[in-house]
């Protein structure tokens, strides 16, 4: 039984998995922060485009004289 615990303590296979899980969680957290920053800028850009397009009048002349 003591030999089992000594081998278990020396085994590093699970340590690599833990490293990858922590790294993946950090990347997901950074992606969430980036999304929050980008989303507010996109909302502002869409609002500016909407107000500009709403104030624009489009006239179409298809070659027909009135």
N, C-alpha and C. Protein backbone atom coordinates (compact mmCIF):
# COMPACT_ATOMS: atom_id res chain seq x y z
N UNK A 1 0.83 -1.19 0.00
CA UNK A 1 0.00 0.00 0.00
C UNK A 1 0.87 1.26 0.00
N UNK A 2 1.94 1.23 0.74
CA UNK A 2 2.86 2.38 0.79
C UNK A 2 3.51 2.58 -0.57
N UNK A 3 3.83 1.46 -1.23
CA UNK A 3 4.42 1.55 -2.56
C UNK A 3 3.45 2.22 -3.54
N UNK A 4 2.17 1.89 -3.41
CA UNK A 4 1.15 2.50 -4.27
C UNK A 4 1.11 4.03 -4.08
N UNK A 5 1.13 4.49 -2.85
CA UNK A 5 1.09 5.93 -2.59
C UNK A 5 2.35 6.64 -3.07
N UNK A 6 3.50 5.97 -2.96
CA UNK A 6 4.74 6.57 -3.45
C UNK A 6 4.71 6.70 -4.97
N UNK A 7 4.23 5.67 -5.65
CA UNK A 7 4.11 5.73 -7.11
C UNK A 7 3.08 6.77 -7.53
N UNK A 8 1.99 6.85 -6.80
CA UNK A 8 0.94 7.84 -7.12
C UNK A 8 1.47 9.26 -6.98
N UNK A 9 2.27 9.49 -5.97
CA UNK A 9 2.84 10.82 -5.72
C UNK A 9 3.84 11.20 -6.81
N UNK A 10 4.59 10.24 -7.33
CA UNK A 10 5.60 10.50 -8.35
C UNK A 10 5.00 10.61 -9.75
N UNK A 11 3.82 10.07 -9.96
CA UNK A 11 3.20 10.05 -11.29
C UNK A 11 2.80 11.47 -11.69
N UNK A 12 3.21 11.90 -12.88
CA UNK A 12 2.94 13.27 -13.33
C UNK A 12 1.98 13.33 -14.51
N UNK A 13 1.32 12.24 -14.86
CA UNK A 13 0.40 12.24 -15.99
C UNK A 13 -0.76 13.21 -15.78
N UNK A 14 -1.30 13.27 -14.61
CA UNK A 14 -2.42 14.16 -14.34
C UNK A 14 -2.01 15.63 -14.28
N UNK A 15 -0.76 15.91 -13.99
CA UNK A 15 -0.29 17.28 -13.89
C UNK A 15 -0.36 17.99 -15.23
N UNK A 16 -0.09 17.28 -16.31
CA UNK A 16 -0.18 17.87 -17.64
C UNK A 16 -1.62 18.21 -17.96
N UNK A 17 -2.54 17.35 -17.57
CA UNK A 17 -3.96 17.62 -17.80
C UNK A 17 -4.41 18.86 -17.05
N UNK A 18 -3.98 18.99 -15.83
CA UNK A 18 -4.33 20.17 -15.03
C UNK A 18 -3.77 21.43 -15.68
N UNK A 19 -2.55 21.36 -16.19
CA UNK A 19 -1.97 22.53 -16.87
C UNK A 19 -2.81 22.94 -18.06
N UNK A 20 -3.23 21.97 -18.87
CA UNK A 20 -4.05 22.29 -20.04
C UNK A 20 -5.42 22.85 -19.66
N UNK A 21 -6.00 22.33 -18.60
CA UNK A 21 -7.30 22.84 -18.15
C UNK A 21 -7.17 24.29 -17.69
N UNK A 22 -6.13 24.59 -16.95
CA UNK A 22 -5.92 25.97 -16.48
C UNK A 22 -5.65 26.90 -17.67
N UNK A 23 -4.84 26.46 -18.61
CA UNK A 23 -4.55 27.25 -19.79
C UNK A 23 -5.81 27.51 -20.61
N UNK A 24 -6.62 26.50 -20.80
CA UNK A 24 -7.87 26.65 -21.55
C UNK A 24 -8.83 27.61 -20.83
N UNK A 25 -8.91 27.53 -19.53
CA UNK A 25 -9.77 28.44 -18.77
C UNK A 25 -9.29 29.88 -18.91
N UNK A 26 -7.98 30.09 -18.90
CA UNK A 26 -7.43 31.44 -19.07
C UNK A 26 -7.74 31.99 -20.46
N UNK A 27 -7.62 31.17 -21.47
CA UNK A 27 -7.93 31.62 -22.84
C UNK A 27 -9.41 31.95 -22.97
N UNK A 28 -10.27 31.16 -22.37
CA UNK A 28 -11.72 31.44 -22.41
C UNK A 28 -12.04 32.73 -21.67
N UNK A 29 -11.39 32.97 -20.56
CA UNK A 29 -11.62 34.21 -19.81
C UNK A 29 -11.17 35.43 -20.62
N UNK A 30 -10.02 35.33 -21.26
CA UNK A 30 -9.54 36.44 -22.09
C UNK A 30 -10.46 36.67 -23.29
N UNK A 31 -10.99 35.61 -23.86
CA UNK A 31 -11.94 35.76 -24.96
C UNK A 31 -13.20 36.47 -24.49
N UNK A 32 -13.66 36.16 -23.30
CA UNK A 32 -14.84 36.84 -22.75
C UNK A 32 -14.59 38.32 -22.52
N UNK A 33 -13.42 38.66 -22.04
CA UNK A 33 -13.07 40.07 -21.82
C UNK A 33 -12.98 40.80 -23.16
N UNK A 34 -12.37 40.16 -24.15
CA UNK A 34 -12.26 40.77 -25.48
C UNK A 34 -13.64 40.96 -26.10
N UNK A 35 -14.51 39.98 -25.94
CA UNK A 35 -15.88 40.08 -26.48
C UNK A 35 -16.62 41.25 -25.86
N UNK A 36 -16.47 41.44 -24.57
CA UNK A 36 -17.15 42.55 -23.89
C UNK A 36 -16.67 43.89 -24.44
N UNK A 37 -15.38 44.03 -24.64
CA UNK A 37 -14.84 45.28 -25.18
C UNK A 37 -15.27 45.51 -26.62
N UNK A 38 -15.29 44.48 -27.42
CA UNK A 38 -15.67 44.61 -28.82
C UNK A 38 -17.17 44.86 -28.95
N UNK A 39 -17.97 44.21 -28.14
CA UNK A 39 -19.43 44.33 -28.23
C UNK A 39 -19.89 45.78 -28.01
N UNK A 40 -19.30 46.48 -27.06
CA UNK A 40 -19.72 47.86 -26.81
C UNK A 40 -19.33 48.76 -27.99
N UNK A 41 -18.19 48.52 -28.59
CA UNK A 41 -17.78 49.29 -29.76
C UNK A 41 -18.68 49.02 -30.96
N UNK A 42 -19.07 47.77 -31.15
CA UNK A 42 -19.95 47.40 -32.26
C UNK A 42 -21.32 48.02 -32.08
N UNK A 43 -21.83 48.05 -30.86
CA UNK A 43 -23.12 48.68 -30.61
C UNK A 43 -23.08 50.17 -30.96
N UNK A 44 -22.02 50.84 -30.60
CA UNK A 44 -21.86 52.26 -30.92
C UNK A 44 -21.77 52.46 -32.43
N UNK A 45 -21.01 51.62 -33.12
CA UNK A 45 -20.88 51.73 -34.56
C UNK A 45 -22.22 51.49 -35.26
N UNK A 46 -22.96 50.51 -34.82
CA UNK A 46 -24.27 50.22 -35.41
C UNK A 46 -25.24 51.37 -35.18
N UNK A 47 -25.19 51.97 -34.01
CA UNK A 47 -26.06 53.11 -33.72
C UNK A 47 -25.73 54.30 -34.62
N UNK A 48 -24.44 54.57 -34.82
CA UNK A 48 -24.04 55.66 -35.71
C UNK A 48 -24.45 55.39 -37.14
N UNK A 49 -24.31 54.16 -37.61
CA UNK A 49 -24.71 53.81 -38.97
C UNK A 49 -26.21 53.93 -39.14
N UNK A 50 -26.97 53.52 -38.13
CA UNK A 50 -28.43 53.62 -38.19
C UNK A 50 -28.88 55.07 -38.28
N UNK A 51 -28.31 55.94 -37.47
CA UNK A 51 -28.72 57.34 -37.51
C UNK A 51 -28.31 58.00 -38.83
N UNK A 52 -27.17 57.61 -39.39
CA UNK A 52 -26.75 58.17 -40.68
C UNK A 52 -27.65 57.70 -41.82
N UNK A 53 -28.00 56.44 -41.80
CA UNK A 53 -28.85 55.90 -42.87
C UNK A 53 -30.29 56.38 -42.74
N UNK A 54 -30.75 56.62 -41.55
CA UNK A 54 -32.12 57.11 -41.36
C UNK A 54 -32.26 58.52 -41.91
N UNK A 55 -31.23 59.33 -41.82
CA UNK A 55 -31.28 60.72 -42.28
C UNK A 55 -31.03 60.84 -43.78
N UNK A 56 -30.77 59.75 -44.47
CA UNK A 56 -30.44 59.79 -45.89
C UNK A 56 -31.67 59.51 -46.72
N UNK A 57 -31.84 60.31 -47.80
CA UNK A 57 -32.94 60.10 -48.74
C UNK A 57 -32.37 59.49 -50.02
N UNK A 58 -33.01 58.46 -50.48
CA UNK A 58 -32.56 57.77 -51.69
C UNK A 58 -33.56 58.06 -52.80
N UNK A 59 -33.06 58.54 -53.94
CA UNK A 59 -33.92 58.75 -55.11
C UNK A 59 -33.38 57.89 -56.25
N UNK A 60 -34.27 57.26 -56.98
CA UNK A 60 -33.89 56.35 -58.04
C UNK A 60 -34.41 56.89 -59.35
N UNK A 61 -33.53 57.02 -60.34
CA UNK A 61 -33.93 57.44 -61.67
C UNK A 61 -33.53 56.31 -62.61
N UNK A 62 -34.53 55.63 -63.17
CA UNK A 62 -34.27 54.49 -64.02
C UNK A 62 -34.32 54.87 -65.50
N UNK A 63 -34.02 56.09 -65.80
CA UNK A 63 -34.04 56.52 -67.18
C UNK A 63 -35.39 57.01 -67.65
N UNK A 64 -36.33 57.05 -66.77
CA UNK A 64 -37.68 57.51 -67.10
C UNK A 64 -37.76 58.98 -66.78
N UNK A 65 -38.15 59.78 -67.75
CA UNK A 65 -38.29 61.22 -67.52
C UNK A 65 -39.68 61.51 -67.00
N UNK A 66 -39.76 62.30 -65.98
CA UNK A 66 -41.09 62.60 -65.40
C UNK A 66 -41.88 63.58 -66.21
